[in-house]
Protein backbone atom coordinates (compact mmCIF):
# COMPACT_ATOMS: atom_id res chain seq x y z
CA MET A 1 -35.60 12.52 52.73
CA TYR A 2 -31.92 13.33 52.78
CA PHE A 3 -31.78 12.30 56.52
CA ILE A 4 -33.33 8.71 55.70
CA ALA A 5 -31.01 8.40 52.63
CA ARG A 6 -28.00 9.41 54.68
CA ARG A 7 -28.73 6.81 57.38
CA TYR A 8 -29.22 3.94 54.82
CA LEU A 9 -25.70 4.65 53.93
CA PHE A 10 -23.91 5.69 56.96
CA ALA A 11 -25.79 4.58 60.09
CA PRO A 12 -23.49 2.51 62.38
CA GLU A 13 -25.93 -0.53 62.26
CA SER A 14 -25.86 -0.66 58.43
CA ARG A 15 -23.50 -3.66 58.30
CA SER A 16 -25.45 -5.62 55.56
CA VAL A 17 -23.88 -6.74 52.34
CA VAL A 18 -26.31 -4.11 50.64
CA ASN A 19 -24.57 -1.35 52.36
CA LEU A 20 -20.99 -2.85 51.72
CA ILE A 21 -21.92 -3.07 48.17
CA SER A 22 -23.18 0.59 48.09
CA ARG A 23 -19.85 1.94 49.72
CA LEU A 24 -17.86 -0.17 47.03
CA SER A 25 -19.91 1.58 44.59
CA VAL A 26 -18.45 4.80 45.68
CA VAL A 27 -14.99 3.38 44.85
CA ALA A 28 -16.11 2.06 41.59
CA VAL A 29 -17.16 5.38 40.42
CA ALA A 30 -14.32 7.43 41.73
CA MET A 31 -11.79 5.65 39.73
CA PRO A 32 -13.13 6.50 36.12
CA VAL A 33 -13.80 10.07 37.48
CA ALA A 34 -10.05 10.39 38.55
CA ALA A 35 -9.06 8.66 35.28
CA MET A 36 -10.81 11.23 33.09
CA ILE A 37 -9.11 13.96 34.97
CA ILE A 38 -5.67 12.58 34.49
CA LEU A 39 -6.15 11.67 30.98
CA LEU A 40 -7.39 15.28 30.01
CA SER A 41 -4.43 16.75 31.95
CA VAL A 42 -1.76 14.63 30.18
CA PHE A 43 -3.46 15.63 26.86
CA ASN A 44 -3.09 19.21 27.91
CA GLY A 45 0.43 18.68 29.00
CA PHE A 46 1.52 17.18 25.68
CA GLU A 47 -0.50 20.02 23.73
CA THR A 48 1.42 22.70 25.75
CA LEU A 49 4.92 20.76 24.96
CA VAL A 50 4.03 20.61 21.44
CA ARG A 51 2.97 24.35 21.10
CA SER A 52 6.28 25.16 23.11
CA MET A 53 8.32 23.33 20.48
CA TYR A 54 6.54 24.79 17.51
CA SER A 55 6.90 28.25 19.19
CA ALA A 56 10.51 28.14 18.67
CA PHE A 57 10.01 27.64 15.10
CA ASP A 58 6.76 28.86 13.92
CA ALA A 59 6.39 32.87 14.77
CA ASP A 60 3.23 34.41 16.12
CA LEU A 61 2.51 35.72 12.78
CA THR A 62 3.87 34.85 9.31
CA VAL A 63 3.62 37.08 6.24
CA THR A 64 3.72 35.31 2.91
CA PRO A 65 2.98 36.50 -0.78
CA ALA A 66 -0.57 36.03 -1.89
CA GLU A 67 0.94 34.82 -5.22
CA GLY A 68 4.23 33.30 -6.00
CA GLN A 69 7.01 32.04 -3.47
CA THR A 70 9.12 35.18 -3.01
CA PHE A 71 8.87 38.65 -3.01
CA PRO A 72 11.41 41.84 -2.87
CA VAL A 73 12.26 42.73 0.37
CA GLU A 74 11.96 46.52 -0.47
CA ALA A 75 8.10 45.73 -1.12
CA VAL A 76 7.51 45.40 2.67
CA ASP A 77 7.33 48.80 4.58
CA THR A 78 9.03 47.60 7.81
CA ALA A 79 8.62 51.00 9.45
CA ALA A 80 4.78 50.74 8.78
CA LEU A 81 4.62 47.43 10.40
CA GLY A 82 6.89 48.53 13.42
CA ARG A 83 4.35 51.02 14.14
CA VAL A 84 1.37 48.56 14.11
CA PRO A 85 0.30 48.16 18.01
CA GLY A 86 1.38 44.85 19.20
CA VAL A 87 4.28 44.09 16.96
CA GLY A 88 7.50 43.61 18.88
CA ALA A 89 10.04 42.42 16.26
CA LEU A 90 10.04 41.33 12.80
CA SER A 91 12.54 39.38 10.47
CA PHE A 92 12.98 38.45 6.87
CA VAL A 93 13.43 34.80 6.06
CA LEU A 94 14.01 32.78 2.57
CA GLU A 95 13.25 29.00 2.55
CA GLN A 96 13.83 26.55 -0.39
CA SER A 97 14.71 22.84 -0.65
CA ALA A 98 18.15 21.82 -1.09
CA LEU A 99 20.53 18.68 -0.84
CA LEU A 100 22.98 18.29 1.93
CA GLU A 101 25.97 16.12 1.83
CA HIS A 102 28.45 14.97 4.49
CA GLY A 103 30.80 12.05 4.60
CA GLY A 104 28.96 10.32 1.60
CA ARG A 105 25.71 10.56 3.23
CA GLN A 106 23.00 12.65 1.67
CA ALA A 107 19.78 14.18 2.79
CA THR A 108 17.21 16.77 1.66
CA ALA A 109 16.24 19.55 3.82
CA THR A 110 14.38 23.11 3.59
CA VAL A 111 17.19 25.75 4.13
CA ARG A 112 15.78 28.64 6.11
CA GLY A 113 17.72 31.80 5.48
CA VAL A 114 17.43 34.06 8.41
CA ASP A 115 18.58 37.70 8.91
CA ASP A 116 20.17 39.14 12.05
CA ALA A 117 16.83 39.96 13.73
CA TYR A 118 15.61 36.39 13.71
CA GLU A 119 16.70 35.79 17.09
CA SER A 120 14.39 38.44 18.31
CA VAL A 121 11.47 37.03 16.87
CA LEU A 122 12.06 33.03 17.37
CA PRO A 123 14.16 32.00 20.34
CA ILE A 124 16.00 29.30 18.45
CA ALA A 125 18.77 29.72 21.00
CA ASP A 126 16.86 28.17 23.76
CA ALA A 127 16.72 24.64 21.90
CA VAL A 128 20.27 24.67 20.73
CA SER A 129 21.98 21.68 22.40
CA ALA A 130 25.53 21.92 21.10
CA GLY A 131 27.58 24.75 19.54
CA SER A 132 26.17 28.18 19.12
CA ALA A 133 23.01 29.71 17.49
CA ARG A 134 24.70 32.18 15.31
CA VAL A 135 24.45 31.40 11.74
CA ARG A 136 27.06 34.00 10.67
CA VAL A 137 30.16 35.05 12.46
CA GLY A 138 31.33 38.28 10.69
CA ASP A 139 31.76 36.94 7.10
CA LEU A 140 32.07 33.45 7.98
CA GLU A 141 28.85 31.54 7.27
CA ARG A 142 27.49 28.69 9.53
CA LEU A 143 24.75 26.23 9.48
CA LEU A 144 22.43 25.29 12.30
CA ILE A 145 20.88 21.77 11.91
CA GLY A 146 18.64 19.73 13.86
CA GLN A 147 19.96 16.68 15.73
CA THR A 148 17.83 14.12 13.67
CA MET A 149 19.51 15.69 10.43
CA ALA A 150 23.19 15.58 12.22
CA TRP A 151 22.37 11.91 12.85
CA GLN A 152 21.42 11.41 9.22
CA LEU A 153 24.40 13.04 7.88
CA GLY A 154 26.57 10.98 10.33
CA ILE A 155 27.78 14.28 12.18
CA ARG A 156 29.04 13.35 15.45
CA SER A 157 31.33 16.32 16.14
CA LEU A 158 31.20 20.18 15.32
CA ALA A 159 34.84 20.06 14.99
CA ASP A 160 34.70 18.37 11.57
CA ALA A 161 31.22 19.01 10.39
CA ASP A 162 31.51 20.64 6.86
CA VAL A 163 28.33 20.15 4.89
CA ALA A 164 27.94 20.51 1.18
CA VAL A 165 24.68 22.38 0.11
CA TYR A 166 23.48 21.81 -3.25
CA ALA A 167 20.48 24.20 -4.51
CA VAL A 168 18.98 23.91 -8.09
CA ARG A 169 20.03 26.61 -10.50
CA ARG A 170 17.62 28.83 -12.05
CA GLY A 171 17.40 28.73 -16.09
CA SER A 172 18.01 26.03 -18.17
CA PHE A 173 19.01 22.33 -17.40
CA SER A 174 22.01 20.56 -18.87
CA ALA A 175 21.94 16.79 -19.14
CA LEU A 176 25.78 16.76 -20.40
CA LEU A 177 27.08 18.62 -17.41
CA PRO A 178 24.56 17.83 -14.48
CA MET A 179 26.80 19.52 -11.82
CA ASP A 180 26.36 22.82 -13.63
CA ASN A 181 22.62 22.55 -12.72
CA TYR A 182 23.36 23.18 -8.98
CA THR A 183 24.97 25.75 -6.90
CA ARG A 184 27.25 24.13 -4.45
CA ARG A 185 28.59 25.57 -1.15
CA THR A 186 30.35 23.77 1.76
CA ILE A 187 29.65 25.42 5.02
CA PRO A 188 30.59 24.53 8.55
CA VAL A 189 28.04 23.36 10.97
CA GLY A 190 28.13 25.69 13.87
CA GLY A 191 25.33 24.45 16.17
CA VAL A 192 22.85 21.56 16.65
CA TRP A 193 19.29 22.19 18.01
CA ALA A 194 16.70 19.63 19.36
CA LEU A 195 12.77 20.18 18.96
CA ASP A 196 10.47 17.79 17.57
CA LEU A 197 11.48 15.05 15.14
CA GLU A 198 9.82 16.51 11.93
CA THR A 199 11.32 19.94 12.39
CA GLU A 200 14.72 18.59 13.16
CA ARG A 201 14.61 16.59 10.07
CA GLN A 202 13.38 19.11 7.74
CA TYR A 203 14.80 22.39 8.48
CA VAL A 204 18.40 23.90 8.41
CA LEU A 205 19.12 27.48 9.37
CA ALA A 206 21.59 29.46 7.37
CA SER A 207 22.15 33.25 7.01
CA LEU A 208 19.79 35.19 4.60
CA ARG A 209 22.76 36.26 2.57
CA LEU A 210 23.67 32.76 1.97
CA ALA A 211 20.28 31.68 1.05
CA GLN A 212 19.94 34.44 -1.38
CA GLU A 213 23.18 33.30 -2.99
CA LEU A 214 22.34 29.57 -3.13
CA PHE A 215 18.91 30.26 -4.34
CA GLN A 216 19.87 32.99 -6.82
CA SER A 217 17.37 35.19 -5.12
CA PRO A 218 19.26 38.57 -4.49
CA GLY A 219 17.09 41.05 -2.16
CA ARG A 220 13.99 38.48 -2.11
CA ALA A 221 12.48 36.75 0.70
CA SER A 222 9.82 34.14 1.18
CA ALA A 223 8.24 35.40 4.38
CA VAL A 224 8.41 37.96 6.98
CA VAL A 225 7.92 36.42 10.62
CA LEU A 226 6.60 38.72 13.39
CA CYS A 227 6.99 38.55 17.22
CA LEU A 228 4.08 40.11 19.13
CA THR A 229 4.21 41.65 22.56
CA PRO A 230 2.98 39.63 25.48
CA GLU A 231 -0.42 41.66 25.91
CA ALA A 232 -1.13 41.63 22.11
CA ASP A 233 -4.22 39.78 20.71
CA ALA A 234 -2.84 37.82 17.74
CA GLY A 235 -6.31 38.32 15.92
CA GLN A 236 -6.33 42.18 16.25
CA VAL A 237 -2.51 42.46 15.15
CA LYS A 238 -3.14 40.21 12.35
CA ARG A 239 -6.15 42.31 10.84
CA ALA A 240 -3.78 45.42 11.48
CA VAL A 241 -0.81 43.95 9.63
CA GLN A 242 -3.05 42.67 6.86
CA ALA A 243 -4.39 46.35 6.35
CA ALA A 244 -0.76 47.58 6.56
CA LEU A 245 0.45 45.33 3.73
CA GLY A 246 -2.57 45.30 1.45
CA ASP A 247 -3.91 42.31 -0.72
CA GLY A 248 -0.47 41.28 -2.03
CA PHE A 249 0.26 39.44 1.17
CA ARG A 250 -1.24 36.69 3.18
CA VAL A 251 -1.04 36.81 7.12
CA ARG A 252 -1.40 34.03 9.04
CA THR A 253 -1.21 32.95 12.97
CA ARG A 254 1.05 30.16 14.54
CA TYR A 255 -2.11 28.19 14.81
CA GLU A 256 -3.40 28.87 11.36
CA LEU A 257 -0.17 27.46 9.85
CA ARG A 258 -0.61 24.29 11.51
CA ALA A 259 -4.44 24.23 11.80
CA SER A 260 -5.15 20.58 10.99
CA PHE A 261 -2.45 19.46 13.19
CA TYR A 262 -3.92 21.28 16.25
CA ARG A 263 -7.70 20.44 15.08
CA ILE A 264 -6.55 16.55 15.35
CA MET A 265 -4.98 17.02 18.62
CA THR A 266 -8.36 18.60 19.90
CA TYR A 267 -10.17 15.73 18.24
CA GLU A 268 -8.10 13.10 19.99
CA LYS A 269 -8.38 14.76 23.36
CA TRP A 270 -12.23 14.70 23.30
CA GLY A 271 -12.37 11.33 21.66
CA ILE A 272 -10.54 9.91 24.74
CA PHE A 273 -12.95 12.10 26.89
CA LEU A 274 -15.79 10.22 25.28
CA ILE A 275 -14.22 6.83 25.59
CA ALA A 276 -13.48 7.48 29.30
CA LEU A 277 -17.01 8.82 29.77
CA LEU A 278 -18.31 5.55 28.43
CA VAL A 279 -16.11 3.80 31.12
CA LEU A 280 -17.78 6.05 33.47
CA ILE A 281 -21.36 4.74 32.40
CA VAL A 282 -20.42 1.39 32.71
CA ALA A 283 -18.97 1.91 36.24
CA SER A 284 -21.99 3.71 37.11
CA PHE A 285 -24.16 0.82 36.84
CA SER A 286 -22.58 -0.52 39.69
CA VAL A 287 -24.62 2.36 41.59
CA VAL A 288 -27.81 1.07 39.71
CA GLY A 289 -27.14 -2.42 41.15
CA ALA A 290 -26.60 -1.10 44.68
CA LEU A 291 -29.40 0.91 44.56
CA ALA A 292 -31.79 -1.67 43.29
CA MET A 293 -30.74 -4.17 45.77
CA LEU A 294 -31.07 -1.50 48.69
CA ILE A 295 -34.73 -0.81 47.45
CA VAL A 296 -35.45 -4.48 47.44
CA ASP A 297 -33.66 -4.82 51.03
CA LYS A 298 -35.83 -1.79 52.56
CA ARG A 299 -39.38 -3.10 51.11
CA ARG A 300 -40.68 -3.19 54.75
CA ASP A 301 -39.55 0.08 55.27
CA LEU A 302 -41.27 1.25 52.27
CA SER A 303 -44.60 -0.40 53.59
CA THR A 304 -44.08 1.39 56.70
CA LEU A 305 -43.39 4.75 55.18
CA ARG A 306 -46.74 4.21 53.06
CA ALA A 307 -48.68 3.45 56.06
CA LEU A 308 -47.39 6.65 57.90
CA GLY A 309 -48.65 8.48 54.61
CA ALA A 310 -45.64 8.93 52.52
CA ASP A 311 -46.54 8.98 48.90
CA THR A 312 -44.78 7.51 45.89
CA GLY A 313 -42.90 10.91 45.20
CA VAL A 314 -41.43 10.79 48.71
CA LEU A 315 -40.50 7.38 48.39
CA ARG A 316 -38.67 8.04 45.08
CA GLY A 317 -37.08 11.14 46.67
CA ILE A 318 -35.59 8.91 49.54
CA PHE A 319 -33.78 6.54 47.09
CA ARG A 320 -33.03 9.15 44.66
CA CYS A 321 -31.07 11.04 47.19
CA GLU A 322 -29.34 7.85 48.01
CA GLY A 323 -28.22 7.20 44.53
CA LEU A 324 -26.89 10.78 44.37
CA LEU A 325 -25.33 10.68 47.52
CA ILE A 326 -23.31 7.69 46.31
CA CYS A 327 -22.59 9.38 43.14
CA THR A 328 -21.40 12.61 45.07
CA LEU A 329 -19.12 10.75 47.39
CA GLY A 330 -17.69 9.01 44.40
CA ALA A 331 -17.08 12.11 42.39
CA ALA A 332 -15.70 13.69 45.35
CA LEU A 333 -13.13 11.08 45.88
CA GLY A 334 -12.45 10.94 42.24
CA VAL A 335 -11.67 14.60 41.96
CA VAL A 336 -9.18 14.48 44.84
CA LEU A 337 -7.47 11.49 43.64
CA GLY A 338 -7.45 12.86 39.74
CA VAL A 339 -6.62 16.69 40.67
CA GLY A 340 -3.97 15.58 43.19
CA ALA A 341 -2.14 13.20 41.10
CA SER A 342 -2.21 15.74 38.29
CA LEU A 343 -0.98 18.54 40.47
CA VAL A 344 1.74 16.21 41.95
CA GLN A 345 2.97 15.33 38.25
CA GLN A 346 2.74 18.69 36.97
CA HIS A 347 5.03 20.11 39.68
CA PHE A 348 7.19 17.30 40.77
CA GLY A 349 7.30 15.22 37.43
CA LEU A 350 7.65 12.02 39.54
CA ILE A 351 6.63 9.49 36.72
CA GLU A 352 9.40 9.89 33.99
CA ILE A 353 9.29 8.76 30.49
CA PRO A 354 11.00 5.44 30.21
CA ALA A 355 13.06 6.66 27.03
CA GLU A 356 15.93 9.07 26.38
CA THR A 357 14.46 12.29 25.05
CA PHE A 358 15.68 15.97 24.69
CA LEU A 359 12.20 17.29 25.08
CA THR A 360 11.19 16.28 28.58
CA LYS A 361 12.25 13.54 31.20
CA SER A 362 8.67 13.20 32.65
CA TYR A 363 5.37 13.03 31.38
CA PRO A 364 4.11 16.47 30.77
CA VAL A 365 0.83 17.14 32.76
CA GLU A 366 -1.38 20.49 32.83
CA PHE A 367 -4.55 20.66 35.24
CA ARG A 368 -7.14 22.87 33.93
CA PRO A 369 -10.29 23.72 35.74
CA GLU A 370 -12.51 23.83 32.62
CA ASP A 371 -11.54 20.04 32.02
CA LEU A 372 -12.75 19.53 35.65
CA ALA A 373 -15.90 21.26 34.93
CA ALA A 374 -16.64 19.17 31.90
CA VAL A 375 -15.98 15.86 33.82
CA LEU A 376 -18.28 16.87 36.74
CA ALA A 377 -20.94 18.28 34.44
CA SER A 378 -20.90 14.97 32.34
CA PHE A 379 -20.86 12.65 35.53
CA ALA A 380 -23.78 14.76 36.96
CA ALA A 381 -25.79 14.16 33.92
CA VAL A 382 -25.05 10.36 33.89
CA ALA A 383 -25.90 10.29 37.52
CA LEU A 384 -29.07 12.03 37.37
CA LEU A 385 -30.27 9.81 34.44
CA LEU A 386 -29.32 6.55 35.86
CA THR A 387 -30.48 7.23 39.35
CA ASN A 388 -33.98 8.52 38.23
CA LEU A 389 -34.45 5.62 35.94
CA THR A 390 -33.75 3.02 38.42
CA VAL A 391 -35.90 4.63 41.25
CA ARG A 392 -39.01 5.07 39.00
CA SER A 393 -38.59 1.52 37.58
CA MET A 394 -38.15 -0.11 41.09
CA ILE A 395 -40.88 2.03 42.93
CA LYS A 396 -44.15 1.89 41.22
CA GLN A 397 -47.42 3.84 41.97
CA PRO A 398 -49.73 1.67 43.98
CA SER A 399 -52.58 0.31 42.18
């Protein structure tokens, strides 16, 4: 059966329009297969890019109080946490909203106070595009802000970038003296960092000591951020840290902090996959048409084969092999094109994003073998179904 099917497609004397359409069907199938591989690889690239951006601001594990917003620093046994297998470093942070003002411009932000061990947990220095990542030099306080926040405040140079920070005082509120309701500090900007737009606009880094003074929370923190060792399993370390801290604290991984965001990214990826699969199904109907015309064109051959003793199963098997051969060649061509284009873009970045960005110059692409397996499995199911339906409807049992 395979021999006859192969000769129908590749024989030197096969020069009819039907054979030409069959070969064009190979190309028609290859294009959506390649497109599916490329689309999934692009989504993988953007997902990896987003994860790398958030890894500079979201720790591997974040410990927050189960009730309330802050807790005493001494309530956390840092020695016990340091002994948990898989914990590489830890740092205390204190976050609260504040008002920033510079040159008559104002913006609200979340001030994150960090201690000296923060750089060991989160590599914020890698994202700094101007100035230094240090939030304190000796007794001198510094702010580290995102470039979007710098643009909102009108900061064009670090040489003259003193920012007034206003934090609401705890206690009674006075309508007669509104300025007495705020703690005000003027602090120079020591560095500007570039990540994603949301983080740049929302967060400002300061020292933990300054944050405790601004928010009137001496000796308190709002979270403990932990960095894990490379070989550590986040789930196992999370359970061990939770057991060491007790029920008074809540431990979450980086992906649990932004669970809805990563879930939406996954839905988008497979939504695009299903749309591309629909395009592939439509393109596969070219194989159906080519196969149907080939069966009509070979009616005389079918009669000859029946006279020689071939039953309906054998005849169907020949054209089923023909359809699967067209689909296999199309899939192979699509895999070569899709995987090749993805790997070239992944390693060389030939196609650049036509806009200025500090994140990446070219479209991020990451090829994953599991995506190739999903594409091939889906296409195999479509090819088998359409080929079998076409052959069974065109070649009937003799009456």
